Amino acid sequence: MPLLQTIITEEYALGVWLLSEQEEEWRQLLQAARPGFALPPHLRSEKQRREFAATRLLLHALLGEIPDMAYAHTGKPFLTGDTRHISLSHSASLAAAILSPFPAGIDTEETTRHVESIAPRFLSDQELDWTTHTPNPRKAQIFCWSAKESLYKMMDQPGADFRSQLHIPPTPLTMTGTTTASFSKNQSQHTVPLRFLFSGNNVVTWCVYNSGKPDSPGTQDNSGDYEKS
């Protein structure tokens, strides 16, 4: 089943999709969800087409339809005629999407990626210290990269500096969890709950900024079984 998980709260709707179908399979799923739906002609590779299809199928799972979308000059996607915020992401094997009436960001990364050589470019000295002293530094640094990607998308401030404006505290990397991240924007410091889950060789992170309030405790979690990575 390609749809791995949906999480619905008062503040957001989130979905995670496994990129496992062959092209004919996801084309059929797209046509069943929205007859006549056409892929953009600029998607030349099968990989690009599959990622595009997966995010639209995720939106269908969350909304019951595939909505019309456009992109701001910054590259941020938005729903045509809808004020809700949207964020999309994909790794080699997962796609993820989040919808919220509040600013939101989501990211997924493969934890097997090597980022050690570039870690000093996106981690502060404090973050380099705590990630280096964890049992799995590579996993911790990929987690921080993903978390900062989610924060960056949520902030919607092109050019924000990952190292100095986005901050991830020491975080136990359990299968699922929440930490309190912080970011600076317009010369003000803000905190936001940042949630995460690990699935196989992937991490998914997301955040929703509702005036610094924590996520609603009441959730509907239609999840499959996740393995600890």
C-alpha atoms as a PDB file:
ATOM      1  CA  MET A   1       0.000   0.000   0.000  1.00  0.00           C
ATOM      2  CA  PRO A   2       1.795   3.210  -1.153  1.00  0.00           C
ATOM      3  CA  LEU A   3       0.040   5.453   1.409  1.00  0.00           C
ATOM      4  CA  LEU A   4       2.045   4.782   4.558  1.00  0.00           C
ATOM      5  CA  GLN A   5       0.573   7.249   7.005  1.00  0.00           C
ATOM      6  CA  THR A   6      -1.828  10.122   7.510  1.00  0.00           C
ATOM      7  CA  ILE A   7      -1.954  12.322  10.598  1.00  0.00           C
ATOM      8  CA  ILE A   8      -4.875  14.698  11.094  1.00  0.00           C
ATOM      9  CA  THR A   9      -4.914  17.278  13.907  1.00  0.00           C
ATOM     10  CA  GLU A  10      -6.736  20.543  14.500  1.00  0.00           C
ATOM     11  CA  GLU A  11      -3.704  22.356  13.070  1.00  0.00           C
ATOM     12  CA  TYR A  12      -2.610  20.242  10.111  1.00  0.00           C
ATOM     13  CA  ALA A  13      -3.173  17.263   7.829  1.00  0.00           C
ATOM     14  CA  LEU A  14      -0.100  15.251   6.874  1.00  0.00           C
ATOM     15  CA  GLY A  15       0.526  12.302   4.568  1.00  0.00           C
ATOM     16  CA  VAL A  16       3.504  10.080   3.727  1.00  0.00           C
ATOM     17  CA  TRP A  17       3.645   8.027   0.513  1.00  0.00           C
ATOM     18  CA  LEU A  18       6.019   5.188  -0.423  1.00  0.00           C
ATOM     19  CA  LEU A  19       7.491   5.703  -3.896  1.00  0.00           C
ATOM     20  CA  SER A  20       7.182   2.087  -4.960  1.00  0.00           C
ATOM     21  CA  GLU A  21       4.756   1.993  -7.920  1.00  0.00           C
ATOM     22  CA  GLN A  22       5.685   1.535 -11.544  1.00  0.00           C
ATOM     23  CA  GLU A  23       4.674   4.348 -13.902  1.00  0.00           C
ATOM     24  CA  GLU A  24       1.601   2.565 -15.247  1.00  0.00           C
ATOM     25  CA  GLU A  25       0.349   2.021 -11.681  1.00  0.00           C
ATOM     26  CA  TRP A  26       0.529   5.633 -10.558  1.00  0.00           C
ATOM     27  CA  ARG A  27      -0.850   6.871 -13.864  1.00  0.00           C
ATOM     28  CA  GLN A  28      -3.909   4.719 -13.246  1.00  0.00           C
ATOM     29  CA  LEU A  29      -4.208   6.027  -9.689  1.00  0.00           C
ATOM     30  CA  LEU A  30      -4.009   9.622 -10.926  1.00  0.00           C
ATOM     31  CA  GLN A  31      -6.692   9.072 -13.554  1.00  0.00           C
ATOM     32  CA  ALA A  32      -8.961   7.407 -11.007  1.00  0.00           C
ATOM     33  CA  ALA A  33      -8.466  10.338  -8.609  1.00  0.00           C
ATOM     34  CA  ARG A  34      -8.951  13.034 -11.264  1.00  0.00           C
ATOM     35  CA  PRO A  35      -9.983  11.850 -14.746  1.00  0.00           C
ATOM     36  CA  GLY A  36      -8.139  13.699 -17.481  1.00  0.00           C
ATOM     37  CA  PHE A  37      -5.411  14.962 -15.152  1.00  0.00           C
ATOM     38  CA  ALA A  38      -2.302  15.658 -17.235  1.00  0.00           C
ATOM     39  CA  LEU A  39       1.298  15.701 -16.088  1.00  0.00           C
ATOM     40  CA  PRO A  40       3.297  18.864 -16.858  1.00  0.00           C
ATOM     41  CA  PRO A  41       5.337  18.400 -20.055  1.00  0.00           C
ATOM     42  CA  HIS A  42       8.566  19.614 -18.413  1.00  0.00           C
ATOM     43  CA  LEU A  43       8.757  16.455 -16.271  1.00  0.00           C
ATOM     44  CA  ARG A  44      11.089  14.512 -18.532  1.00  0.00           C
ATOM     45  CA  SER A  45      12.331  11.734 -16.257  1.00  0.00           C
ATOM     46  CA  GLU A  46      10.284   8.913 -14.746  1.00  0.00           C
ATOM     47  CA  LYS A  47      11.641   9.894 -11.332  1.00  0.00           C
ATOM     48  CA  GLN A  48      10.293  13.451 -11.653  1.00  0.00           C
ATOM     49  CA  ARG A  49       6.918  12.213 -12.891  1.00  0.00           C
ATOM     50  CA  ARG A  50       6.614   9.683 -10.052  1.00  0.00           C
ATOM     51  CA  GLU A  51       7.449  12.303  -7.402  1.00  0.00           C
ATOM     52  CA  PHE A  52       4.932  14.733  -8.904  1.00  0.00           C
ATOM     53  CA  ALA A  53       2.258  12.021  -9.031  1.00  0.00           C
ATOM     54  CA  ALA A  54       2.930  10.893  -5.448  1.00  0.00           C
ATOM     55  CA  THR A  55       2.488  14.375  -3.970  1.00  0.00           C
ATOM     56  CA  ARG A  56      -0.783  14.834  -5.879  1.00  0.00           C
ATOM     57  CA  LEU A  57      -2.038  11.454  -4.734  1.00  0.00           C
ATOM     58  CA  LEU A  58      -1.130  12.439  -1.175  1.00  0.00           C
ATOM     59  CA  LEU A  59      -3.220  15.583  -1.529  1.00  0.00           C
ATOM     60  CA  HIS A  60      -6.070  13.458  -2.835  1.00  0.00           C
ATOM     61  CA  ALA A  61      -5.774  11.230   0.252  1.00  0.00           C
ATOM     62  CA  LEU A  62      -5.910  14.305   2.519  1.00  0.00           C
ATOM     63  CA  LEU A  63      -8.511  16.367   0.659  1.00  0.00           C
ATOM     64  CA  GLY A  64     -10.552  13.858  -1.318  1.00  0.00           C
ATOM     65  CA  GLU A  65      -9.490  15.604  -4.528  1.00  0.00           C
ATOM     66  CA  ILE A  66      -6.418  16.711  -6.436  1.00  0.00           C
ATOM     67  CA  PRO A  67      -6.487  20.508  -6.122  1.00  0.00           C
ATOM     68  CA  ASP A  68      -5.140  23.071  -8.556  1.00  0.00           C
ATOM     69  CA  MET A  69      -1.727  24.329  -7.494  1.00  0.00           C
ATOM     70  CA  ALA A  70       0.649  27.111  -8.459  1.00  0.00           C
ATOM     71  CA  TYR A  71       4.036  28.329  -7.295  1.00  0.00           C
ATOM     72  CA  ALA A  72       5.138  31.677  -5.875  1.00  0.00           C
ATOM     73  CA  HIS A  73       8.224  33.418  -7.287  1.00  0.00           C
ATOM     74  CA  THR A  74      10.182  31.874  -4.389  1.00  0.00           C
ATOM     75  CA  GLY A  75       9.204  28.377  -5.560  1.00  0.00           C
ATOM     76  CA  LYS A  76       6.811  27.842  -2.640  1.00  0.00           C
ATOM     77  CA  PRO A  77       3.677  25.936  -3.715  1.00  0.00           C
ATOM     78  CA  PHE A  78       0.189  27.187  -2.939  1.00  0.00           C
ATOM     79  CA  LEU A  79      -3.357  26.002  -3.583  1.00  0.00           C
ATOM     80  CA  THR A  80      -5.263  28.076  -6.105  1.00  0.00           C
ATOM     81  CA  GLY A  81      -8.236  29.757  -4.453  1.00  0.00           C
ATOM     82  CA  ASP A  82      -7.396  28.318  -1.028  1.00  0.00           C
ATOM     83  CA  THR A  83      -5.778  30.157   1.874  1.00  0.00           C
ATOM     84  CA  ARG A  84      -4.314  27.043   3.512  1.00  0.00           C
ATOM     85  CA  HIS A  85      -0.557  26.632   3.549  1.00  0.00           C
ATOM     86  CA  ILE A  86       0.989  23.643   1.812  1.00  0.00           C
ATOM     87  CA  SER A  87       4.436  22.096   1.876  1.00  0.00           C
ATOM     88  CA  LEU A  88       5.732  19.147  -0.170  1.00  0.00           C
ATOM     89  CA  SER A  89       8.883  17.028  -0.039  1.00  0.00           C
ATOM     90  CA  HIS A  90      10.335  13.796  -1.374  1.00  0.00           C
ATOM     91  CA  SER A  91      13.398  11.622  -0.953  1.00  0.00           C
ATOM     92  CA  ALA A  92      14.402   8.742  -3.220  1.00  0.00           C
ATOM     93  CA  SER A  93      11.805   6.484  -1.592  1.00  0.00           C
ATOM     94  CA  LEU A  94       9.231   8.674   0.203  1.00  0.00           C
ATOM     95  CA  ALA A  95       6.982  11.620  -0.593  1.00  0.00           C
ATOM     96  CA  ALA A  96       5.412  13.804   2.086  1.00  0.00           C
ATOM     97  CA  ALA A  97       2.838  16.592   2.184  1.00  0.00           C
ATOM     98  CA  ILE A  98       1.319  18.836   4.850  1.00  0.00           C
ATOM     99  CA  LEU A  99      -1.675  21.197   4.756  1.00  0.00           C
ATOM    100  CA  SER A 100      -2.446  23.775   7.433  1.00  0.00           C
ATOM    101  CA  PRO A 101      -4.247  27.075   7.985  1.00  0.00           C
ATOM    102  CA  PHE A 102      -0.967  28.180   9.592  1.00  0.00           C
ATOM    103  CA  PRO A 103       2.534  28.472   8.089  1.00  0.00           C
ATOM    104  CA  ALA A 104       3.892  24.923   7.789  1.00  0.00           C
ATOM    105  CA  GLY A 105       6.895  23.065   6.449  1.00  0.00           C
ATOM    106  CA  ILE A 106       7.719  19.414   5.835  1.00  0.00           C
ATOM    107  CA  ASP A 107      10.830  17.568   4.675  1.00  0.00           C
ATOM    108  CA  THR A 108      11.989  13.998   4.189  1.00  0.00           C
ATOM    109  CA  GLU A 109      15.572  12.792   3.760  1.00  0.00           C
ATOM    110  CA  GLU A 110      17.372   9.467   3.500  1.00  0.00           C
ATOM    111  CA  THR A 111      19.439   8.912   6.632  1.00  0.00           C
ATOM    112  CA  THR A 112      22.153   7.137   4.624  1.00  0.00           C
ATOM    113  CA  ARG A 113      23.234  10.385   2.962  1.00  0.00           C
ATOM    114  CA  HIS A 114      26.744  11.601   3.746  1.00  0.00           C
ATOM    115  CA  VAL A 115      26.679  15.191   5.020  1.00  0.00           C
ATOM    116  CA  GLU A 116      29.677  15.144   7.341  1.00  0.00           C
ATOM    117  CA  SER A 117      31.826  17.263   5.016  1.00  0.00           C
ATOM    118  CA  ILE A 118      29.212  20.024   4.687  1.00  0.00           C
ATOM    119  CA  ALA A 119      27.785  19.860   8.230  1.00  0.00           C
ATOM    120  CA  PRO A 120      29.756  22.961   9.382  1.00  0.00           C
ATOM    121  CA  ARG A 121      27.943  24.978   6.702  1.00  0.00           C
ATOM    122  CA  PHE A 122      24.459  24.364   8.099  1.00  0.00           C
ATOM    123  CA  LEU A 123      25.050  23.445  11.771  1.00  0.00           C
ATOM    124  CA  SER A 124      26.035  25.866  14.516  1.00  0.00           C
ATOM    125  CA  ASP A 125      28.959  25.026  16.788  1.00  0.00           C
ATOM    126  CA  GLN A 126      26.514  23.799  19.451  1.00  0.00           C
ATOM    127  CA  GLU A 127      24.704  21.589  16.935  1.00  0.00           C
ATOM    128  CA  LEU A 128      27.962  20.176  15.632  1.00  0.00           C
ATOM    129  CA  ASP A 129      28.909  19.330  19.201  1.00  0.00           C
ATOM    130  CA  TRP A 130      25.751  17.483  20.191  1.00  0.00           C
ATOM    131  CA  THR A 131      25.331  15.642  16.881  1.00  0.00           C
ATOM    132  CA  THR A 132      28.981  14.527  16.905  1.00  0.00           C
ATOM    133  CA  HIS A 133      28.567  13.034  20.375  1.00  0.00           C
ATOM    134  CA  THR A 134      25.479  10.954  19.590  1.00  0.00           C
ATOM    135  CA  PRO A 135      25.723   7.194  18.882  1.00  0.00           C
ATOM    136  CA  ASN A 136      25.009   7.912  15.184  1.00  0.00           C
ATOM    137  CA  PRO A 137      26.384  11.326  14.154  1.00  0.00           C
ATOM    138  CA  ARG A 138      25.398  10.928  10.493  1.00  0.00           C
ATOM    139  CA  LYS A 139      21.789  10.214  11.427  1.00  0.00           C
ATOM    140  CA  ALA A 140      21.720  13.157  13.857  1.00  0.00           C
ATOM    141  CA  GLN A 141      23.138  15.543  11.268  1.00  0.00           C
ATOM    142  CA  ILE A 142      20.690  14.405   8.572  1.00  0.00           C
ATOM    143  CA  PHE A 143      17.903  14.888  11.123  1.00  0.00           C
ATOM    144  CA  CYS A 144      19.084  18.456  11.718  1.00  0.00           C
ATOM    145  CA  TRP A 145      19.308  19.117   7.981  1.00  0.00           C
ATOM    146  CA  SER A 146      15.758  17.866   7.467  1.00  0.00           C
ATOM    147  CA  ALA A 147      14.470  19.801  10.478  1.00  0.00           C
ATOM    148  CA  LYS A 148      16.040  23.000   9.191  1.00  0.00           C
ATOM    149  CA  GLU A 149      14.582  22.390   5.729  1.00  0.00           C
ATOM    150  CA  SER A 150      11.130  22.174   7.325  1.00  0.00           C
ATOM    151  CA  LEU A 151      11.739  25.360   9.310  1.00  0.00           C
ATOM    152  CA  TYR A 152      13.007  27.144   6.200  1.00  0.00           C
ATOM    153  CA  LYS A 153       9.893  26.209   4.215  1.00  0.00           C
ATOM    154  CA  MET A 154       7.650  27.269   7.078  1.00  0.00           C
ATOM    155  CA  MET A 155       9.438  30.641   7.454  1.00  0.00           C
ATOM    156  CA  ASP A 156       9.168  31.433   3.726  1.00  0.00           C
ATOM    157  CA  GLN A 157      12.123  33.795   3.923  1.00  0.00           C
ATOM    158  CA  PRO A 158      14.440  33.284   0.932  1.00  0.00           C
ATOM    159  CA  GLY A 159      18.073  33.505   1.888  1.00  0.00           C
ATOM    160  CA  ALA A 160      17.608  32.611   5.563  1.00  0.00           C
ATOM    161  CA  ASP A 161      20.868  31.267   6.941  1.00  0.00           C
ATOM    162  CA  PHE A 162      20.615  27.663   8.157  1.00  0.00           C
ATOM    163  CA  ARG A 163      23.552  27.997  10.529  1.00  0.00           C
ATOM    164  CA  SER A 164      22.680  31.233  12.303  1.00  0.00           C
ATOM    165  CA  GLN A 165      18.893  31.596  11.981  1.00  0.00           C
ATOM    166  CA  LEU A 166      17.623  28.033  12.439  1.00  0.00           C
ATOM    167  CA  HIS A 167      18.367  26.090  15.622  1.00  0.00           C
ATOM    168  CA  ILE A 168      17.761  22.459  16.631  1.00  0.00           C
ATOM    169  CA  PRO A 169      18.390  21.511  20.287  1.00  0.00           C
ATOM    170  CA  PRO A 170      19.874  18.173  21.412  1.00  0.00           C
ATOM    171  CA  THR A 171      17.150  15.671  20.562  1.00  0.00           C
ATOM    172  CA  PRO A 172      16.846  11.951  21.376  1.00  0.00           C
ATOM    173  CA  LEU A 173      16.256  10.334  17.980  1.00  0.00           C
ATOM    174  CA  THR A 174      13.491   7.916  18.889  1.00  0.00           C
ATOM    175  CA  MET A 175      11.235   6.401  16.226  1.00  0.00           C
ATOM    176  CA  THR A 176       8.813   9.326  16.594  1.00  0.00           C
ATOM    177  CA  GLY A 177       9.108  12.452  18.674  1.00  0.00           C
ATOM    178  CA  THR A 178       8.832  16.200  19.134  1.00  0.00           C
ATOM    179  CA  THR A 179      11.426  18.827  19.925  1.00  0.00           C
ATOM    180  CA  THR A 180      11.281  22.610  20.277  1.00  0.00           C
ATOM    181  CA  ALA A 181      13.120  24.281  17.424  1.00  0.00           C
ATOM    182  CA  SER A 182      13.783  27.996  17.158  1.00  0.00           C
ATOM    183  CA  PHE A 183      14.262  30.454  14.330  1.00  0.00           C
ATOM    184  CA  SER A 184      14.949  34.138  13.914  1.00  0.00           C
ATOM    185  CA  LYS A 185      12.973  36.272  11.472  1.00  0.00           C
ATOM    186  CA  ASN A 186      12.636  40.037  11.183  1.00  0.00           C
ATOM    187  CA  GLN A 187      15.065  40.436  14.107  1.00  0.00           C
ATOM    188  CA  SER A 188      12.781  38.419  16.409  1.00  0.00           C
ATOM    189  CA  GLN A 189      13.327  34.966  17.910  1.00  0.00           C
ATOM    190  CA  HIS A 190      10.552  32.373  17.745  1.00  0.00           C
ATOM    191  CA  THR A 191      10.056  28.804  18.929  1.00  0.00           C
ATOM    192  CA  VAL A 192       7.950  26.127  17.303  1.00  0.00           C
ATOM    193  CA  PRO A 193       7.208  22.434  17.987  1.00  0.00           C
ATOM    194  CA  LEU A 194       9.041  20.298  15.463  1.00  0.00           C
ATOM    195  CA  ARG A 195       7.794  16.732  15.020  1.00  0.00           C
ATOM    196  CA  PHE A 196       9.596  13.845  13.369  1.00  0.00           C
ATOM    197  CA  LEU A 197       9.408  10.172  12.539  1.00  0.00           C
ATOM    198  CA  PHE A 198      11.863   7.632  11.180  1.00  0.00           C
ATOM    199  CA  SER A 199      10.811   5.039   8.619  1.00  0.00           C
ATOM    200  CA  GLY A 200      13.391   2.565   7.337  1.00  0.00           C
ATOM    201  CA  ASN A 201      16.207   4.699   5.932  1.00  0.00           C
ATOM    202  CA  ASN A 202      14.184   7.909   5.976  1.00  0.00           C
ATOM    203  CA  VAL A 203      13.405  10.717   8.378  1.00  0.00           C
ATOM    204  CA  VAL A 204      10.334  12.945   8.021  1.00  0.00           C
ATOM    205  CA  THR A 205      10.209  16.261   9.893  1.00  0.00           C
ATOM    206  CA  TRP A 206       7.471  18.883  10.022  1.00  0.00           C
ATOM    207  CA  CYS A 207       6.492  22.052  11.866  1.00  0.00           C
ATOM    208  CA  VAL A 208       3.474  24.346  12.077  1.00  0.00           C
ATOM    209  CA  TYR A 209       3.744  27.887  13.424  1.00  0.00           C
ATOM    210  CA  ASN A 210       0.602  28.816  15.342  1.00  0.00           C
ATOM    211  CA  SER A 211       1.867  31.797  17.335  1.00  0.00           C
ATOM    212  CA  GLY A 212       4.258  29.470  19.154  1.00  0.00           C
ATOM    213  CA  LYS A 213       1.459  27.326  20.557  1.00  0.00           C
ATOM    214  CA  PRO A 214       2.072  23.556  20.762  1.00  0.00           C
ATOM    215  CA  ASP A 215       0.258  21.155  18.481  1.00  0.00           C
ATOM    216  CA  SER A 216      -3.208  20.094  19.533  1.00  0.00           C
ATOM    217  CA  PRO A 217      -2.994  16.951  21.687  1.00  0.00           C
ATOM    218  CA  GLY A 218      -5.981  15.387  19.949  1.00  0.00           C
ATOM    219  CA  THR A 219      -4.828  13.571  16.818  1.00  0.00           C
ATOM    220  CA  GLN A 220      -6.061  11.009  14.358  1.00  0.00           C
ATOM    221  CA  ASP A 221      -3.123   8.835  13.341  1.00  0.00           C
ATOM    222  CA  ASN A 222      -3.767   6.302  10.575  1.00  0.00           C
ATOM    223  CA  SER A 223      -0.281   4.889  10.513  1.00  0.00           C
ATOM    224  CA  GLY A 224       1.317   1.768   9.258  1.00  0.00           C
ATOM    225  CA  ASP A 225       4.123   0.036  11.101  1.00  0.00           C
ATOM    226  CA  TYR A 226       7.379   1.975  11.126  1.00  0.00           C
ATOM    227  CA  GLU A 227      10.798   0.548  11.731  1.00  0.00           C
ATOM    228  CA  LYS A 228      13.386   2.280  13.814  1.00  0.00           C
ATOM    229  CA  SER A 229      16.272   3.343  11.615  1.00  0.00           C
END
